[in-house]
Amino acid sequence: MQRMKVTVRRKPLLRILAERNMSQNGLARVTELKSGHVSQLISGKRNVAPVTRERILKALGDVEFAKIFSVRFARRR
Protein backbone atom coordinates (compact mmCIF):
# COMPACT_ATOMS: atom_id res chain seq x y z
CA MET A 1 0.00 0.00 0.00
CA GLN A 2 1.25 3.50 -0.83
CA ARG A 3 1.01 6.58 1.29
CA MET A 4 0.66 10.04 -0.23
CA LYS A 5 2.84 12.89 1.01
CA VAL A 6 1.93 16.41 0.03
CA THR A 7 4.42 19.19 0.68
CA VAL A 8 4.64 22.86 -0.17
CA ARG A 9 6.73 24.01 -3.12
CA ARG A 10 8.62 26.62 -1.14
CA LYS A 11 9.92 29.01 -3.82
CA PRO A 12 6.71 29.23 -5.87
CA LEU A 13 4.61 29.83 -2.75
CA LEU A 14 6.96 32.51 -1.43
CA ARG A 15 6.95 34.18 -4.87
CA ILE A 16 3.13 34.21 -4.91
CA LEU A 17 3.03 35.65 -1.39
CA ALA A 18 5.49 38.38 -2.40
CA GLU A 19 3.48 39.22 -5.53
CA ARG A 20 0.40 39.65 -3.36
CA ASN A 21 2.30 41.62 -0.73
CA MET A 22 1.44 38.94 1.86
CA SER A 23 3.69 37.59 4.58
CA GLN A 24 3.72 34.10 6.07
CA ASN A 25 1.95 35.59 9.08
CA GLY A 26 -0.64 37.12 6.77
CA LEU A 27 -1.24 33.73 5.17
CA ALA A 28 -1.58 32.23 8.65
CA ARG A 29 -4.20 34.84 9.60
CA VAL A 30 -6.25 34.35 6.44
CA THR A 31 -6.16 30.55 6.70
CA GLU A 32 -6.75 30.58 10.47
CA LEU A 33 -3.58 28.56 11.08
CA LYS A 34 -0.87 29.28 13.60
CA SER A 35 2.11 31.12 12.15
CA GLY A 36 4.47 28.38 13.38
CA HIS A 37 2.44 25.78 11.53
CA VAL A 38 2.63 27.78 8.30
CA SER A 39 6.37 28.18 8.79
CA GLN A 40 6.79 24.41 9.21
CA LEU A 41 4.72 23.76 6.08
CA ILE A 42 6.80 26.16 4.01
CA SER A 43 10.09 24.77 5.31
CA GLY A 44 8.99 21.22 4.46
CA LYS A 45 9.00 19.97 8.05
CA ARG A 46 5.30 19.04 7.88
CA ASN A 47 3.08 17.43 5.31
CA VAL A 48 0.06 19.46 4.26
CA ALA A 49 -3.25 17.95 5.39
CA PRO A 50 -6.22 18.05 2.97
CA VAL A 51 -8.14 20.66 4.96
CA THR A 52 -5.03 22.85 5.16
CA ARG A 53 -4.50 22.57 1.39
CA GLU A 54 -8.08 23.73 0.87
CA ARG A 55 -7.58 26.71 3.17
CA ILE A 56 -4.37 27.78 1.43
CA LEU A 57 -5.85 27.42 -2.06
CA LYS A 58 -8.94 29.38 -1.01
CA ALA A 59 -6.81 32.13 0.54
CA LEU A 60 -4.68 32.48 -2.60
CA GLY A 61 -7.62 32.41 -4.99
CA ASP A 62 -6.71 31.56 -8.55
CA VAL A 63 -3.57 29.47 -7.88
CA GLU A 64 -3.39 25.93 -9.27
CA PHE A 65 -2.78 23.06 -6.84
CA ALA A 66 0.29 21.78 -8.71
CA LYS A 67 1.93 25.19 -8.68
CA ILE A 68 2.35 25.29 -4.89
CA PHE A 69 2.06 21.66 -3.78
CA SER A 70 4.17 18.63 -4.53
CA VAL A 71 2.72 15.10 -4.28
CA ARG A 72 4.87 12.02 -3.66
CA PHE A 73 3.91 8.45 -3.03
CA ALA A 74 5.85 6.43 -0.49
CA ARG A 75 5.47 2.75 0.22
CA ARG A 76 4.35 1.78 3.67
CA ARG A 77 6.63 -0.55 5.52
PDB file of N, CA and C in Angstrom:
ATOM      1  N   MET A   1       0.839  -1.183   0.000  1.00  0.00           N
ATOM      2  CA  MET A   1       0.000   0.000   0.000  1.00  0.00           C
ATOM      3  C   MET A   1       0.883   1.245   0.000  1.00  0.00           C
ATOM      4  N   GLN A   2       0.477   2.263  -0.740  1.00  0.00           N
ATOM      5  CA  GLN A   2       1.246   3.496  -0.827  1.00  0.00           C
ATOM      6  C   GLN A   2       0.612   4.594   0.007  1.00  0.00           C
ATOM      7  N   ARG A   3       1.462   5.437   0.506  1.00  0.00           N
ATOM      8  CA  ARG A   3       1.010   6.579   1.292  1.00  0.00           C
ATOM      9  C   ARG A   3       1.364   7.860   0.541  1.00  0.00           C
ATOM     10  N   MET A   4       0.439   8.791   0.478  1.00  0.00           N
ATOM     11  CA  MET A   4       0.663  10.039  -0.235  1.00  0.00           C
ATOM     12  C   MET A   4       1.220  11.091   0.711  1.00  0.00           C
ATOM     13  N   LYS A   5       2.268  11.784   0.256  1.00  0.00           N
ATOM     14  CA  LYS A   5       2.843  12.888   1.014  1.00  0.00           C
ATOM     15  C   LYS A   5       2.703  14.143   0.168  1.00  0.00           C
ATOM     16  N   VAL A   6       2.093  15.141   0.735  1.00  0.00           N
ATOM     17  CA  VAL A   6       1.931  16.409   0.032  1.00  0.00           C
ATOM     18  C   VAL A   6       2.722  17.467   0.795  1.00  0.00           C
ATOM     19  N   THR A   7       3.607  18.139   0.077  1.00  0.00           N
ATOM     20  CA  THR A   7       4.425  19.186   0.682  1.00  0.00           C
ATOM     21  C   THR A   7       4.280  20.468  -0.128  1.00  0.00           C
ATOM     22  N   VAL A   8       4.698  21.553   0.477  1.00  0.00           N
ATOM     23  CA  VAL A   8       4.635  22.864  -0.173  1.00  0.00           C
ATOM     24  C   VAL A   8       5.848  23.035  -1.078  1.00  0.00           C
ATOM     25  N   ARG A   9       5.633  23.594  -2.250  1.00  0.00           N
ATOM     26  CA  ARG A   9       6.731  24.009  -3.125  1.00  0.00           C
ATOM     27  C   ARG A   9       7.135  25.400  -2.626  1.00  0.00           C
ATOM     28  N   ARG A  10       8.219  25.433  -1.888  1.00  0.00           N
ATOM     29  CA  ARG A  10       8.624  26.623  -1.140  1.00  0.00           C
ATOM     30  C   ARG A  10       8.774  27.873  -2.014  1.00  0.00           C
ATOM     31  N   LYS A  11       9.643  27.812  -3.014  1.00  0.00           N
ATOM     32  CA  LYS A  11       9.923  29.008  -3.818  1.00  0.00           C
ATOM     33  C   LYS A  11       8.696  29.548  -4.546  1.00  0.00           C
ATOM     34  N   PRO A  12       7.904  28.684  -5.211  1.00  0.00           N
ATOM     35  CA  PRO A  12       6.706  29.231  -5.870  1.00  0.00           C
ATOM     36  C   PRO A  12       5.717  29.870  -4.889  1.00  0.00           C
ATOM     37  N   LEU A  13       5.542  29.255  -3.722  1.00  0.00           N
ATOM     38  CA  LEU A  13       4.610  29.829  -2.753  1.00  0.00           C
ATOM     39  C   LEU A  13       5.121  31.168  -2.237  1.00  0.00           C
ATOM     40  N   LEU A  14       6.406  31.244  -1.920  1.00  0.00           N
ATOM     41  CA  LEU A  14       6.960  32.510  -1.432  1.00  0.00           C
ATOM     42  C   LEU A  14       6.880  33.594  -2.503  1.00  0.00           C
ATOM     43  N   ARG A  15       7.064  33.215  -3.762  1.00  0.00           N
ATOM     44  CA  ARG A  15       6.946  34.176  -4.869  1.00  0.00           C
ATOM     45  C   ARG A  15       5.504  34.704  -4.957  1.00  0.00           C
ATOM     46  N   ILE A  16       4.542  33.810  -4.849  1.00  0.00           N
ATOM     47  CA  ILE A  16       3.129  34.215  -4.910  1.00  0.00           C
ATOM     48  C   ILE A  16       2.790  35.133  -3.741  1.00  0.00           C
ATOM     49  N   LEU A  17       3.277  34.789  -2.558  1.00  0.00           N
ATOM     50  CA  LEU A  17       3.026  35.648  -1.391  1.00  0.00           C
ATOM     51  C   LEU A  17       3.623  37.035  -1.617  1.00  0.00           C
ATOM     52  N   ALA A  18       4.840  37.088  -2.146  1.00  0.00           N
ATOM     53  CA  ALA A  18       5.493  38.382  -2.400  1.00  0.00           C
ATOM     54  C   ALA A  18       4.717  39.194  -3.432  1.00  0.00           C
ATOM     55  N   GLU A  19       4.247  38.532  -4.496  1.00  0.00           N
ATOM     56  CA  GLU A  19       3.477  39.222  -5.535  1.00  0.00           C
ATOM     57  C   GLU A  19       2.191  39.821  -4.980  1.00  0.00           C
ATOM     58  N   ARG A  20       1.652  39.181  -3.956  1.00  0.00           N
ATOM     59  CA  ARG A  20       0.397  39.654  -3.356  1.00  0.00           C
ATOM     60  C   ARG A  20       0.639  40.503  -2.116  1.00  0.00           C
ATOM     61  N   ASN A  21       1.920  40.806  -1.885  1.00  0.00           N
ATOM     62  CA  ASN A  21       2.300  41.619  -0.728  1.00  0.00           C
ATOM     63  C   ASN A  21       1.776  41.011   0.573  1.00  0.00           C
ATOM     64  N   MET A  22       1.928  39.681   0.689  1.00  0.00           N
ATOM     65  CA  MET A  22       1.442  38.943   1.856  1.00  0.00           C
ATOM     66  C   MET A  22       2.618  38.233   2.529  1.00  0.00           C
ATOM     67  N   SER A  23       2.648  38.278   3.825  1.00  0.00           N
ATOM     68  CA  SER A  23       3.686  37.593   4.581  1.00  0.00           C
ATOM     69  C   SER A  23       3.205  36.188   4.979  1.00  0.00           C
ATOM     70  N   GLN A  24       4.103  35.409   5.532  1.00  0.00           N
ATOM     71  CA  GLN A  24       3.719  34.098   6.072  1.00  0.00           C
ATOM     72  C   GLN A  24       2.701  34.291   7.180  1.00  0.00           C
ATOM     73  N   ASN A  25       2.897  35.315   8.000  1.00  0.00           N
ATOM     74  CA  ASN A  25       1.946  35.591   9.078  1.00  0.00           C
ATOM     75  C   ASN A  25       0.588  36.002   8.513  1.00  0.00           C
ATOM     76  N   GLY A  26       0.610  36.743   7.423  1.00  0.00           N
ATOM     77  CA  GLY A  26      -0.643  37.123   6.766  1.00  0.00           C
ATOM     78  C   GLY A  26      -1.376  35.900   6.241  1.00  0.00           C
ATOM     79  N   LEU A  27      -0.633  34.965   5.648  1.00  0.00           N
ATOM     80  CA  LEU A  27      -1.238  33.726   5.174  1.00  0.00           C
ATOM     81  C   LEU A  27      -1.816  32.945   6.345  1.00  0.00           C
ATOM     82  N   ALA A  28      -1.097  32.930   7.459  1.00  0.00           N
ATOM     83  CA  ALA A  28      -1.580  32.233   8.651  1.00  0.00           C
ATOM     84  C   ALA A  28      -2.897  32.840   9.137  1.00  0.00           C
ATOM     85  N   ARG A  29      -2.964  34.166   9.153  1.00  0.00           N
ATOM     86  CA  ARG A  29      -4.196  34.836   9.604  1.00  0.00           C
ATOM     87  C   ARG A  29      -5.376  34.492   8.703  1.00  0.00           C
ATOM     88  N   VAL A  30      -5.165  34.591   7.389  1.00  0.00           N
ATOM     89  CA  VAL A  30      -6.252  34.353   6.438  1.00  0.00           C
ATOM     90  C   VAL A  30      -6.730  32.902   6.482  1.00  0.00           C
ATOM     91  N   THR A  31      -5.810  31.974   6.686  1.00  0.00           N
ATOM     92  CA  THR A  31      -6.159  30.552   6.695  1.00  0.00           C
ATOM     93  C   THR A  31      -6.554  30.052   8.076  1.00  0.00           C
ATOM     94  N   GLU A  32      -6.450  30.926   9.077  1.00  0.00           N
ATOM     95  CA  GLU A  32      -6.747  30.582  10.471  1.00  0.00           C
ATOM     96  C   GLU A  32      -5.866  29.445  10.982  1.00  0.00           C
ATOM     97  N   LEU A  33      -4.588  29.498  10.586  1.00  0.00           N
ATOM     98  CA  LEU A  33      -3.582  28.557  11.082  1.00  0.00           C
ATOM     99  C   LEU A  33      -2.603  29.332  11.951  1.00  0.00           C
ATOM    100  N   LYS A  34      -1.896  28.635  12.785  1.00  0.00           N
ATOM    101  CA  LYS A  34      -0.867  29.277  13.598  1.00  0.00           C
ATOM    102  C   LYS A  34       0.325  29.591  12.704  1.00  0.00           C
ATOM    103  N   SER A  35       0.992  30.705  12.990  1.00  0.00           N
ATOM    104  CA  SER A  35       2.114  31.123  12.150  1.00  0.00           C
ATOM    105  C   SER A  35       3.242  30.087  12.169  1.00  0.00           C
ATOM    106  N   GLY A  36       3.449  29.428  13.293  1.00  0.00           N
ATOM    107  CA  GLY A  36       4.473  28.383  13.385  1.00  0.00           C
ATOM    108  C   GLY A  36       4.150  27.201  12.488  1.00  0.00           C
ATOM    109  N   HIS A  37       2.881  26.876  12.394  1.00  0.00           N
ATOM    110  CA  HIS A  37       2.435  25.776  11.531  1.00  0.00           C
ATOM    111  C   HIS A  37       2.718  26.118  10.068  1.00  0.00           C
ATOM    112  N   VAL A  38       2.375  27.337   9.671  1.00  0.00           N
ATOM    113  CA  VAL A  38       2.633  27.776   8.298  1.00  0.00           C
ATOM    114  C   VAL A  38       4.134  27.754   8.010  1.00  0.00           C
ATOM    115  N   SER A  39       4.923  28.192   8.953  1.00  0.00           N
ATOM    116  CA  SER A  39       6.372  28.175   8.791  1.00  0.00           C
ATOM    117  C   SER A  39       6.892  26.751   8.582  1.00  0.00           C
ATOM    118  N   GLN A  40       6.381  25.812   9.354  1.00  0.00           N
ATOM    119  CA  GLN A  40       6.793  24.408   9.212  1.00  0.00           C
ATOM    120  C   GLN A  40       6.350  23.831   7.872  1.00  0.00           C
ATOM    121  N   LEU A  41       5.190  24.224   7.393  1.00  0.00           N
ATOM    122  CA  LEU A  41       4.722  23.759   6.082  1.00  0.00           C
ATOM    123  C   LEU A  41       5.638  24.273   4.981  1.00  0.00           C
ATOM    124  N   ILE A  42       5.973  25.548   5.044  1.00  0.00           N
ATOM    125  CA  ILE A  42       6.798  26.163   4.005  1.00  0.00           C
ATOM    126  C   ILE A  42       8.227  25.621   4.038  1.00  0.00           C
ATOM    127  N   SER A  43       8.729  25.302   5.216  1.00  0.00           N
ATOM    128  CA  SER A  43      10.087  24.769   5.312  1.00  0.00           C
ATOM    129  C   SER A  43      10.159  23.282   4.983  1.00  0.00           C
ATOM    130  N   GLY A  44       9.006  22.638   4.810  1.00  0.00           N
ATOM    131  CA  GLY A  44       8.991  21.218   4.461  1.00  0.00           C
ATOM    132  C   GLY A  44       9.058  20.280   5.646  1.00  0.00           C
ATOM    133  N   LYS A  45       8.930  20.803   6.840  1.00  0.00           N
ATOM    134  CA  LYS A  45       8.997  19.974   8.047  1.00  0.00           C
ATOM    135  C   LYS A  45       7.692  19.245   8.336  1.00  0.00           C
ATOM    136  N   ARG A  46       6.610  19.686   7.684  1.00  0.00           N
ATOM    137  CA  ARG A  46       5.300  19.045   7.878  1.00  0.00           C
ATOM    138  C   ARG A  46       4.657  18.783   6.535  1.00  0.00           C
ATOM    139  N   ASN A  47       3.919  17.690   6.470  1.00  0.00           N
ATOM    140  CA  ASN A  47       3.076  17.426   5.311  1.00  0.00           C
ATOM    141  C   ASN A  47       1.838  18.305   5.418  1.00  0.00           C
ATOM    142  N   VAL A  48       1.219  18.586   4.276  1.00  0.00           N
ATOM    143  CA  VAL A  48       0.060  19.457   4.256  1.00  0.00           C
ATOM    144  C   VAL A  48      -1.208  18.603   4.230  1.00  0.00           C
ATOM    145  N   ALA A  49      -2.003  18.704   5.282  1.00  0.00           N
ATOM    146  CA  ALA A  49      -3.252  17.950   5.386  1.00  0.00           C
ATOM    147  C   ALA A  49      -4.265  18.471   4.366  1.00  0.00           C
ATOM    148  N   PRO A  50      -5.216  17.627   3.963  1.00  0.00           N
ATOM    149  CA  PRO A  50      -6.216  18.051   2.967  1.00  0.00           C
ATOM    150  C   PRO A  50      -6.958  19.337   3.334  1.00  0.00           C
ATOM    151  N   VAL A  51      -7.399  19.464   4.562  1.00  0.00           N
ATOM    152  CA  VAL A  51      -8.141  20.665   4.963  1.00  0.00           C
ATOM    153  C   VAL A  51      -7.239  21.898   4.904  1.00  0.00           C
ATOM    154  N   THR A  52      -5.976  21.739   5.219  1.00  0.00           N
ATOM    155  CA  THR A  52      -5.027  22.846   5.159  1.00  0.00           C
ATOM    156  C   THR A  52      -4.772  23.252   3.707  1.00  0.00           C
ATOM    157  N   ARG A  53      -4.667  22.269   2.818  1.00  0.00           N
ATOM    158  CA  ARG A  53      -4.503  22.568   1.392  1.00  0.00           C
ATOM    159  C   ARG A  53      -5.687  23.381   0.888  1.00  0.00           C
ATOM    160  N   GLU A  54      -6.881  22.992   1.276  1.00  0.00           N
ATOM    161  CA  GLU A  54      -8.080  23.729   0.867  1.00  0.00           C
ATOM    162  C   GLU A  54      -8.038  25.175   1.351  1.00  0.00           C
ATOM    163  N   ARG A  55      -7.645  25.364   2.602  1.00  0.00           N
ATOM    164  CA  ARG A  55      -7.584  26.715   3.172  1.00  0.00           C
ATOM    165  C   ARG A  55      -6.582  27.587   2.423  1.00  0.00           C
ATOM    166  N   ILE A  56      -5.412  27.015   2.125  1.00  0.00           N
ATOM    167  CA  ILE A  56      -4.374  27.781   1.429  1.00  0.00           C
ATOM    168  C   ILE A  56      -4.828  28.130   0.017  1.00  0.00           C
ATOM    169  N   LEU A  57      -5.380  27.160  -0.706  1.00  0.00           N
ATOM    170  CA  LEU A  57      -5.853  27.420  -2.061  1.00  0.00           C
ATOM    171  C   LEU A  57      -6.963  28.470  -2.066  1.00  0.00           C
ATOM    172  N   LYS A  58      -7.857  28.402  -1.103  1.00  0.00           N
ATOM    173  CA  LYS A  58      -8.942  29.383  -1.015  1.00  0.00           C
ATOM    174  C   LYS A  58      -8.384  30.771  -0.716  1.00  0.00           C
ATOM    175  N   ALA A  59      -7.401  30.845   0.170  1.00  0.00           N
ATOM    176  CA  ALA A  59      -6.805  32.130   0.544  1.00  0.00           C
ATOM    177  C   ALA A  59      -6.068  32.778  -0.625  1.00  0.00           C
ATOM    178  N   LEU A  60      -5.456  31.947  -1.485  1.00  0.00           N
ATOM    179  CA  LEU A  60      -4.680  32.481  -2.602  1.00  0.00           C
ATOM    180  C   LEU A  60      -5.507  32.675  -3.864  1.00  0.00           C
ATOM    181  N   GLY A  61      -6.712  32.166  -3.869  1.00  0.00           N
ATOM    182  CA  GLY A  61      -7.623  32.406  -4.988  1.00  0.00           C
ATOM    183  C   GLY A  61      -7.360  31.579  -6.216  1.00  0.00           C
ATOM    184  N   ASP A  62      -6.813  32.180  -7.239  1.00  0.00           N
ATOM    185  CA  ASP A  62      -6.706  31.558  -8.553  1.00  0.00           C
ATOM    186  C   ASP A  62      -5.428  30.746  -8.783  1.00  0.00           C
ATOM    187  N   VAL A  63      -4.810  30.237  -7.750  1.00  0.00           N
ATOM    188  CA  VAL A  63      -3.566  29.470  -7.877  1.00  0.00           C
ATOM    189  C   VAL A  63      -3.892  27.989  -8.070  1.00  0.00           C
ATOM    190  N   GLU A  64      -3.200  27.361  -9.021  1.00  0.00           N
ATOM    191  CA  GLU A  64      -3.394  25.934  -9.266  1.00  0.00           C
ATOM    192  C   GLU A  64      -2.703  25.098  -8.199  1.00  0.00           C
ATOM    193  N   PHE A  65      -3.310  23.982  -7.850  1.00  0.00           N
ATOM    194  CA  PHE A  65      -2.782  23.060  -6.842  1.00  0.00           C
ATOM    195  C   PHE A  65      -1.321  22.703  -7.128  1.00  0.00           C
ATOM    196  N   ALA A  66      -1.044  22.268  -8.351  1.00  0.00           N
ATOM    197  CA  ALA A  66       0.291  21.779  -8.711  1.00  0.00           C
ATOM    198  C   ALA A  66       1.359  22.859  -8.679  1.00  0.00           C
ATOM    199  N   LYS A  67       0.958  24.106  -8.710  1.00  0.00           N
ATOM    200  CA  LYS A  67       1.932  25.193  -8.679  1.00  0.00           C
ATOM    201  C   LYS A  67       2.567  25.357  -7.301  1.00  0.00           C
ATOM    202  N   ILE A  68       1.808  25.065  -6.241  1.00  0.00           N
ATOM    203  CA  ILE A  68       2.346  25.293  -4.891  1.00  0.00           C
ATOM    204  C   ILE A  68       2.473  24.038  -4.044  1.00  0.00           C
ATOM    205  N   PHE A  69       1.941  22.905  -4.535  1.00  0.00           N
ATOM    206  CA  PHE A  69       2.057  21.661  -3.777  1.00  0.00           C
ATOM    207  C   PHE A  69       2.736  20.583  -4.601  1.00  0.00           C
ATOM    208  N   SER A  70       3.498  19.765  -3.914  1.00  0.00           N
ATOM    209  CA  SER A  70       4.170  18.631  -4.535  1.00  0.00           C
ATOM    210  C   SER A  70       3.606  17.356  -3.915  1.00  0.00           C
ATOM    211  N   VAL A  71       3.290  16.356  -4.756  1.00  0.00           N
ATOM    212  CA  VAL A  71       2.719  15.100  -4.277  1.00  0.00           C
ATOM    213  C   VAL A  71       3.718  13.981  -4.551  1.00  0.00           C
ATOM    214  N   ARG A  72       4.005  13.206  -3.519  1.00  0.00           N
ATOM    215  CA  ARG A  72       4.868  12.023  -3.661  1.00  0.00           C
ATOM    216  C   ARG A  72       4.160  10.837  -3.049  1.00  0.00           C
ATOM    217  N   PHE A  73       4.454   9.680  -3.581  1.00  0.00           N
ATOM    218  CA  PHE A  73       3.905   8.454  -3.033  1.00  0.00           C
ATOM    219  C   PHE A  73       5.040   7.656  -2.422  1.00  0.00           C
ATOM    220  N   ALA A  74       4.834   7.208  -1.197  1.00  0.00           N
ATOM    221  CA  ALA A  74       5.853   6.426  -0.492  1.00  0.00           C
ATOM    222  C   ALA A  74       5.222   5.103  -0.070  1.00  0.00           C
ATOM    223  N   ARG A  75       5.972   4.078  -0.216  1.00  0.00           N
ATOM    224  CA  ARG A  75       5.472   2.750   0.218  1.00  0.00           C
ATOM    225  C   ARG A  75       5.444   2.656   1.723  1.00  0.00           C
ATOM    226  N   ARG A  76       4.409   2.040   2.222  1.00  0.00           N
ATOM    227  CA  ARG A  76       4.353   1.778   3.675  1.00  0.00           C
ATOM    228  C   ARG A  76       5.199   0.567   3.973  1.00  0.00           C
ATOM    229  N   ARG A  77       5.772   0.572   5.121  1.00  0.00           N
ATOM    230  CA  ARG A  77       6.626  -0.554   5.520  1.00  0.00           C
ATOM    231  C   ARG A  77       5.827  -1.667   6.112  1.00  0.00           C
TER     232      ARG A  77
END
